């Protein structure tokens, strides 16, 4: 009573001191603690200390609930304070709970005191719910619109991805075709390079042999003229017997053939200096062919030298070397039997010696 008197007279600090003394004598969350925190809240309300006012009401309400007290003066006052602060949801929950408990307790005075506040809070809460529902509808419409946009965007992206996949497949096909064309071009380039090499080699062979041929023809013309003068002289001096003996001898033919072959060997080895080594590398080790003289070829080597020059017909080779066709054929077969590689590929490999 003294605390209440002092509070009514405005002596708030003295009233607060009495409240402190009383709080030190009670147990927390007891019914007495709930009442003291309620009176303490009234003191802070007079001091305009809203935060302490709300804190004391909260502690008082908690003590009431834990003590199973149904008369919730602290709780409905707390709900009113929260309403003033704009915390509508908590105010509605607390006031609704207090109203329910008051009805259960049948506290008519408390129900009459909280009726106006509850009505105000309920109206405000319903207005807030309507506003939230209205906002929720707006959000639903916005989300639906955004979902529609997202669906359209996904469809568009799917179509673009499909087009991109098709374009990628077409690009892969084009790349494959380009790779095949590049391979074909490389083959063509290689064939052209090979043809150019063969053509250059052929031109070189022609130049060398034409020069040799011209020189040899000139030599033979000179010899023929010398031979003509010698025959004319012997006819004038009536040396018929010596002429018959001279024409019966094969020495002149053999000398001419030897000179022809020497010219051929020299020209060929000048064009293909490694022919003998490369030719022997294709034969078995104990069957290799070595000429008796350096910078010369024997019969077997001349046969395959002519093949290297592109003369593969046995009759032409036989005519050049003054052998029978069978002899040339036997030489070719004999050498191919000594080969390290296949008989069928032997002459083709010979034709590609550089």
Protein backbone atom coordinates (compact mmCIF):
# COMPACT_ATOMS: atom_id res chain seq x y z
CA UNK A 1 0.00 0.00 0.00
CA UNK A 2 2.89 2.34 0.78
CA UNK A 3 4.40 1.62 -2.66
CA UNK A 4 1.09 2.38 -4.36
CA UNK A 5 0.67 5.61 -2.36
CA UNK A 6 4.16 6.81 -3.25
CA UNK A 7 3.56 5.97 -6.94
CA UNK A 8 0.27 7.89 -6.96
CA UNK A 9 2.00 10.89 -5.29
CA UNK A 10 4.67 10.82 -8.01
CA UNK A 11 7.47 9.73 -5.67
CA UNK A 12 8.59 7.13 -8.15
CA UNK A 13 12.14 6.52 -6.92
CA UNK A 14 10.90 5.84 -3.35
CA UNK A 15 8.22 3.52 -4.72
CA UNK A 16 10.85 1.76 -6.87
CA UNK A 17 13.08 1.29 -3.76
CA UNK A 18 10.24 -0.40 -1.88
CA UNK A 19 9.59 -2.61 -4.97
CA UNK A 20 13.29 -3.59 -5.04
CA UNK A 21 13.14 -4.58 -1.36
CA UNK A 22 10.03 -6.66 -1.95
CA UNK A 23 11.51 -8.40 -5.05
CA UNK A 24 14.50 -9.51 -2.98
CA UNK A 25 12.14 -11.44 -0.70
CA UNK A 26 10.24 -13.47 -3.37
CA UNK A 27 11.08 -16.37 -5.73
CA UNK A 28 11.32 -15.75 -9.46
CA UNK A 29 8.30 -16.95 -11.52
CA UNK A 30 6.17 -17.26 -8.38
CA UNK A 31 2.70 -15.62 -8.17
CA UNK A 32 4.16 -12.96 -5.81
CA UNK A 33 6.96 -12.27 -8.36
CA UNK A 34 4.35 -11.86 -11.10
CA UNK A 35 2.44 -9.27 -9.01
CA UNK A 36 5.60 -7.34 -8.02
CA UNK A 37 6.79 -7.15 -11.67
CA UNK A 38 3.32 -5.86 -12.59
CA UNK A 39 3.56 -3.05 -10.00
CA UNK A 40 7.14 -2.36 -11.07
CA UNK A 41 5.89 -1.96 -14.68
CA UNK A 42 3.37 0.65 -13.47
CA UNK A 43 6.24 2.66 -11.92
CA UNK A 44 8.24 2.55 -15.19
CA UNK A 45 5.12 3.60 -17.11
CA UNK A 46 4.93 6.72 -14.97
CA UNK A 47 8.65 7.33 -15.64
CA UNK A 48 7.98 7.04 -19.43
CA UNK A 49 10.59 4.27 -19.69
CA UNK A 50 8.80 2.17 -22.29
CA UNK A 51 11.45 -0.53 -22.72
CA UNK A 52 11.61 -1.25 -18.95
CA UNK A 53 7.80 -1.11 -18.84
CA UNK A 54 7.49 -3.77 -21.56
CA UNK A 55 10.26 -5.90 -19.98
CA UNK A 56 8.54 -5.95 -16.57
CA UNK A 57 5.18 -6.79 -18.15
CA UNK A 58 6.82 -9.64 -20.10
CA UNK A 59 8.42 -11.11 -16.94
CA UNK A 60 5.12 -10.74 -15.07
CA UNK A 61 3.19 -12.48 -17.87
CA UNK A 62 5.70 -15.35 -17.97
CA UNK A 63 5.38 -15.80 -14.18
CA UNK A 64 1.54 -15.78 -14.49
CA UNK A 65 1.57 -18.47 -17.16
CA UNK A 66 4.09 -20.66 -15.29
CA UNK A 67 2.02 -20.29 -12.13
CA UNK A 68 -1.18 -21.25 -14.01
CA UNK A 69 -2.79 -17.89 -13.17
CA UNK A 70 -5.73 -17.18 -15.45
CA UNK A 71 -6.15 -13.47 -14.60
CA UNK A 72 -3.75 -11.94 -17.14
CA UNK A 73 -3.58 -8.24 -16.35
CA UNK A 74 0.09 -8.09 -17.37
CA UNK A 75 -0.45 -9.91 -20.65
CA UNK A 76 -3.28 -7.75 -22.00
CA UNK A 77 -1.39 -4.58 -20.97
CA UNK A 78 1.68 -5.99 -22.76
CA UNK A 79 -0.47 -6.61 -25.83
CA UNK A 80 -1.67 -2.99 -25.72
CA UNK A 81 1.94 -1.72 -25.43
CA UNK A 82 3.02 -3.86 -28.38
CA UNK A 83 0.08 -2.55 -30.38
CA UNK A 84 1.29 1.00 -29.75
CA UNK A 85 4.71 -0.06 -31.04
CA UNK A 86 3.20 -1.56 -34.19
CA UNK A 87 3.98 -5.21 -33.31
CA UNK A 88 0.49 -6.27 -34.36
CA UNK A 89 1.01 -10.02 -34.64
CA UNK A 90 2.34 -10.44 -31.10
CA UNK A 91 -0.28 -8.04 -29.75
CA UNK A 92 -3.03 -10.12 -31.38
CA UNK A 93 -1.61 -13.44 -30.14
CA UNK A 94 -1.16 -12.16 -26.56
CA UNK A 95 -4.58 -10.48 -26.37
CA UNK A 96 -6.32 -13.50 -27.87
CA UNK A 97 -4.59 -15.79 -25.37
CA UNK A 98 -5.52 -13.43 -22.46
CA UNK A 99 -9.15 -13.23 -23.63
CA UNK A 100 -9.42 -17.03 -23.87
CA UNK A 101 -7.99 -17.48 -20.36
CA UNK A 102 -10.25 -14.76 -18.94
CA UNK A 103 -13.32 -16.48 -20.41
CA UNK A 104 -12.19 -19.81 -18.94
CA UNK A 105 -11.73 -18.13 -15.54
CA UNK A 106 -14.99 -16.20 -16.01
CA UNK A 107 -13.32 -12.94 -14.99
CA UNK A 108 -15.97 -10.51 -16.20
CA UNK A 109 -14.09 -7.39 -15.16
CA UNK A 110 -10.94 -8.44 -16.98
CA UNK A 111 -12.95 -9.46 -20.05
CA UNK A 112 -14.73 -6.10 -20.00
CA UNK A 113 -11.38 -4.25 -19.67
CA UNK A 114 -9.76 -6.15 -22.57
CA UNK A 115 -12.80 -6.19 -24.86
CA UNK A 116 -12.14 -2.80 -26.45
CA UNK A 117 -8.44 -3.50 -26.88
CA UNK A 118 -9.13 -6.93 -28.29
CA UNK A 119 -11.67 -5.50 -30.73
CA UNK A 120 -9.21 -2.83 -31.87
CA UNK A 121 -6.40 -5.32 -32.19
CA UNK A 122 -8.62 -7.79 -34.02
CA UNK A 123 -9.82 -5.15 -36.49
CA UNK A 124 -6.28 -3.99 -37.06
CA UNK A 125 -5.08 -7.58 -37.39
CA UNK A 126 -7.80 -8.42 -39.89
CA UNK A 127 -6.90 -5.29 -41.88
CA UNK A 128 -3.28 -6.36 -41.81
CA UNK A 129 -4.31 -9.85 -43.00
CA UNK A 130 -6.34 -8.34 -45.85
CA UNK A 131 -3.38 -6.18 -46.80
CA UNK A 132 -1.09 -9.19 -46.67
CA UNK A 133 -3.54 -11.24 -48.69
CA UNK A 134 -3.72 -8.44 -51.23
CA UNK A 135 0.08 -8.29 -51.35
CA UNK A 136 0.20 -12.06 -51.55
CA UNK A 137 -2.15 -12.00 -54.54
CA UNK A 138 0.08 -9.43 -56.18
CA UNK A 139 3.11 -11.58 -55.47
CA UNK A 140 1.30 -14.65 -56.82
CA UNK A 141 0.43 -12.75 -60.00
CA UNK A 142 4.00 -11.48 -60.31
CA UNK A 143 5.43 -14.96 -59.62
CA UNK A 144 2.99 -16.50 -62.12
CA UNK A 145 3.98 -13.91 -64.71
CA UNK A 146 7.65 -14.51 -64.00
CA UNK A 147 7.06 -18.27 -64.17
CA UNK A 148 5.41 -17.81 -67.56
CA UNK A 149 8.36 -15.70 -68.71
CA UNK A 150 10.72 -18.34 -67.32
CA UNK A 151 8.82 -21.09 -69.17
CA UNK A 152 8.95 -19.07 -72.41
CA UNK A 153 12.65 -18.40 -71.83
CA UNK A 154 13.29 -22.11 -71.18
CA UNK A 155 11.43 -23.04 -74.38
CA UNK A 156 13.44 -20.46 -76.30
CA UNK A 157 16.69 -21.69 -74.74
CA UNK A 158 15.73 -25.30 -75.54
CA UNK A 159 15.10 -24.36 -79.18
CA UNK A 160 18.39 -22.47 -79.33
CA UNK A 161 20.23 -25.41 -77.77
CA UNK A 162 18.58 -27.71 -80.30
CA UNK A 163 19.61 -25.40 -83.16
CA UNK A 164 23.09 -25.17 -81.65
CA UNK A 165 23.31 -28.96 -81.44
CA UNK A 166 22.24 -29.24 -85.06
CA UNK A 167 24.73 -26.55 -86.07
CA UNK A 168 27.47 -28.33 -84.11
CA UNK A 169 26.67 -31.61 -85.86
CA UNK A 170 26.73 -29.87 -89.24
CA UNK A 171 30.00 -28.22 -88.28
CA UNK A 172 31.45 -31.59 -87.33
CA UNK A 173 30.36 -32.97 -90.70
CA UNK A 174 31.92 -30.00 -92.49
CA UNK A 175 35.10 -30.40 -90.44
CA UNK A 176 35.21 -34.08 -91.32
CA UNK A 177 34.75 -33.25 -94.99
CA UNK A 178 37.47 -30.60 -94.74
CA UNK A 179 39.80 -33.10 -93.08
CA UNK A 180 39.11 -35.60 -95.85
CA UNK A 181 39.70 -32.87 -98.45
CA UNK A 182 42.93 -31.90 -96.70
CA UNK A 183 44.05 -35.52 -96.74
CA UNK A 184 43.20 -35.77 -100.43
CA UNK A 185 45.02 -32.49 -101.08
CA UNK A 186 48.03 -33.80 -99.17
CA UNK A 187 47.96 -36.94 -101.27
CA UNK A 188 47.66 -34.85 -104.43
CA UNK A 189 50.48 -32.57 -103.26
CA UNK A 190 52.60 -35.61 -102.48
CA UNK A 191 51.79 -37.06 -105.90
CA UNK A 192 52.63 -33.73 -107.54
CA UNK A 193 55.90 -33.51 -105.61
CA UNK A 194 56.73 -37.06 -106.62
CA UNK A 195 55.77 -36.30 -110.22
CA UNK A 196 57.87 -33.14 -110.14
CA UNK A 197 60.82 -35.08 -108.77
CA UNK A 198 60.32 -37.77 -111.40
CA UNK A 199 59.96 -35.10 -114.09
CA UNK A 200 63.07 -33.27 -112.88
CA UNK A 201 64.93 -36.56 -112.74
CA UNK A 202 63.65 -37.51 -116.18
CA UNK A 203 64.75 -34.14 -117.56
CA UNK A 204 68.14 -34.58 -115.95
CA UNK A 205 68.46 -38.08 -117.42
CA UNK A 206 67.44 -36.80 -120.83
CA UNK A 207 69.91 -33.94 -120.65
CA UNK A 208 72.77 -36.21 -119.60
CA UNK A 209 72.04 -38.91 -122.14
CA UNK A 210 71.32 -36.45 -124.95
CA UNK A 211 74.67 -34.82 -124.30
CA UNK A 212 76.32 -38.26 -124.23
CA UNK A 213 74.44 -39.30 -127.33
CA UNK A 214 75.50 -36.19 -129.26
CA UNK A 215 79.10 -36.64 -128.19
CA UNK A 216 79.03 -40.35 -129.05
CA UNK A 217 77.41 -39.69 -132.43
CA UNK A 218 80.08 -37.11 -133.18
CA UNK A 219 82.76 -39.61 -132.18
CA UNK A 220 81.21 -42.32 -134.34
CA UNK A 221 80.96 -39.95 -137.31
CA UNK A 222 84.65 -39.15 -136.94
CA UNK A 223 85.51 -42.84 -136.66
CA UNK A 224 83.34 -43.70 -139.65
CA UNK A 225 85.05 -41.03 -141.70
CA UNK A 226 88.45 -42.31 -140.57
CA UNK A 227 87.38 -45.87 -141.43
CA UNK A 228 86.14 -44.64 -144.86
CA UNK A 229 89.46 -42.98 -145.66
CA UNK A 230 91.34 -46.08 -144.54
CA UNK A 231 89.17 -48.35 -146.76
CA UNK A 232 89.52 -45.92 -149.69
CA UNK A 233 93.27 -45.91 -149.27
CA UNK A 234 93.50 -49.70 -149.15
CA UNK A 235 91.25 -50.03 -152.22
CA UNK A 236 93.49 -47.61 -154.12
CA UNK A 237 96.58 -49.56 -153.09
CA UNK A 238 94.84 -52.84 -153.94
CA UNK A 239 95.05 -54.18 -150.34
CA UNK A 240 91.91 -56.29 -150.72
CA UNK A 241 93.14 -59.14 -148.53
CA UNK A 242 93.72 -56.83 -145.58
CA UNK A 243 90.26 -55.35 -146.08
CA UNK A 244 88.68 -58.82 -146.01
CA UNK A 245 90.64 -59.68 -142.86
CA UNK A 246 89.58 -56.37 -141.27
CA UNK A 247 85.89 -56.86 -142.05
CA UNK A 248 85.92 -60.45 -140.73
CA UNK A 249 87.21 -59.31 -137.29
CA UNK A 250 84.77 -58.39 -134.43
CA UNK A 251 87.28 -56.21 -132.64
CA UNK A 252 85.86 -52.98 -134.00
CA UNK A 253 82.33 -53.96 -132.87
CA UNK A 254 83.53 -55.05 -129.46
CA UNK A 255 85.50 -51.84 -129.05
CA UNK A 256 82.47 -49.78 -130.02
CA UNK A 257 80.18 -51.73 -127.65
CA UNK A 258 82.66 -51.40 -124.79
CA UNK A 259 82.84 -47.67 -125.37
CA UNK A 260 79.02 -47.49 -125.51
CA UNK A 261 78.67 -49.38 -122.23
CA UNK A 262 81.37 -47.30 -120.56
CA UNK A 263 79.53 -44.14 -121.59
CA UNK A 264 76.24 -45.61 -120.35
CA UNK A 265 77.80 -46.70 -117.02
CA UNK A 266 79.48 -43.36 -116.47
CA UNK A 267 76.33 -41.37 -117.25
CA UNK A 268 74.09 -43.63 -115.10
CA UNK A 269 76.40 -43.61 -112.08
CA UNK A 270 76.74 -39.87 -112.39
CA UNK A 271 72.95 -39.63 -112.12
CA UNK A 272 72.60 -42.31 -109.43
CA UNK A 273 75.88 -42.51 -107.53
CA UNK A 274 74.40 -44.74 -104.78
CA UNK A 275 72.65 -47.16 -107.14
CA UNK A 276 75.02 -50.10 -106.53
CA UNK A 277 74.82 -49.80 -102.70
CA UNK A 278 71.03 -49.43 -102.71
CA UNK A 279 70.67 -52.28 -105.20
CA UNK A 280 72.79 -54.61 -103.05
CA UNK A 281 70.85 -53.64 -99.92
CA UNK A 282 67.84 -55.34 -101.56
CA UNK A 283 69.74 -58.61 -102.02
CA UNK A 284 70.68 -61.28 -99.53
CA UNK A 285 74.02 -60.66 -97.84
CA UNK A 286 75.90 -63.50 -99.55
CA UNK A 287 74.31 -62.81 -102.97
CA UNK A 288 75.29 -59.17 -103.51
CA UNK A 289 76.69 -58.15 -106.94
CA UNK A 290 79.93 -56.17 -107.15
CA UNK A 291 81.43 -55.01 -110.51
CA UNK A 292 85.11 -55.78 -111.13
CA UNK A 293 85.98 -52.16 -111.90
CA UNK A 294 84.98 -49.00 -110.13
CA UNK A 295 82.50 -46.67 -111.86
CA UNK A 296 81.32 -49.51 -114.11
CA UNK A 297 78.38 -51.89 -114.21
CA UNK A 298 78.25 -55.58 -115.07
CA UNK A 299 75.48 -57.22 -117.08
CA UNK A 300 73.06 -57.77 -114.14
CA UNK A 301 73.51 -54.20 -112.92
CA UNK A 302 73.04 -52.79 -116.46
CA UNK A 303 69.78 -54.72 -116.84
CA UNK A 304 68.36 -53.21 -113.65
CA UNK A 305 69.88 -49.81 -114.46
CA UNK A 306 67.80 -49.83 -117.64
CA UNK A 307 64.76 -50.84 -115.56
CA UNK A 308 65.49 -47.87 -113.28
CA UNK A 309 65.48 -45.63 -116.38
CA UNK A 310 62.02 -46.95 -117.29
CA UNK A 311 63.01 -49.55 -119.90
CA UNK A 312 61.27 -52.69 -118.62
CA UNK A 313 60.68 -54.58 -121.88
CA UNK A 314 63.09 -57.53 -122.06
CA UNK A 315 63.32 -57.30 -125.87
CA UNK A 316 64.48 -53.65 -125.70
CA UNK A 317 67.01 -54.51 -123.00
CA UNK A 318 68.24 -57.48 -125.04
CA UNK A 319 68.61 -55.30 -128.12
CA UNK A 320 70.67 -52.71 -126.19
CA UNK A 321 72.94 -55.26 -124.49
CA UNK A 322 73.18 -57.57 -127.54
CA UNK A 323 71.77 -60.60 -125.72
CA UNK A 324 68.82 -62.86 -126.47
CA UNK A 325 65.47 -62.17 -124.82
CA UNK A 326 65.67 -65.49 -122.92
CA UNK A 327 69.06 -64.55 -121.53
CA UNK A 328 67.72 -61.23 -120.24
CA UNK A 329 64.71 -62.97 -118.73
CA UNK A 330 66.97 -65.53 -116.98
CA UNK A 331 69.18 -62.72 -115.59
CA UNK A 332 66.14 -60.90 -114.19
CA UNK A 333 64.69 -64.07 -112.62
CA UNK A 334 68.05 -65.08 -111.14
CA UNK A 335 68.58 -61.71 -109.44
CA UNK A 336 65.00 -61.57 -108.09
CA UNK A 337 65.49 -65.01 -106.52
CA UNK A 338 68.32 -63.49 -104.43
CA UNK A 339 66.17 -60.61 -103.14
CA UNK A 340 65.44 -59.92 -99.47
CA UNK A 341 62.00 -58.59 -100.37
CA UNK A 342 59.09 -59.96 -102.39
CA UNK A 343 59.87 -60.89 -106.01
CA UNK A 344 56.75 -59.04 -107.16
CA UNK A 345 57.88 -55.77 -105.53
CA UNK A 346 61.57 -56.01 -106.40
CA UNK A 347 61.58 -54.21 -109.74
CA UNK A 348 59.13 -51.54 -108.44
CA UNK A 349 61.51 -50.76 -105.58
CA UNK A 350 64.42 -50.64 -108.09
CA UNK A 351 62.46 -48.14 -110.19
CA UNK A 352 62.17 -45.82 -107.14
CA UNK A 353 65.88 -45.71 -106.25
CA UNK A 354 67.12 -42.10 -106.03
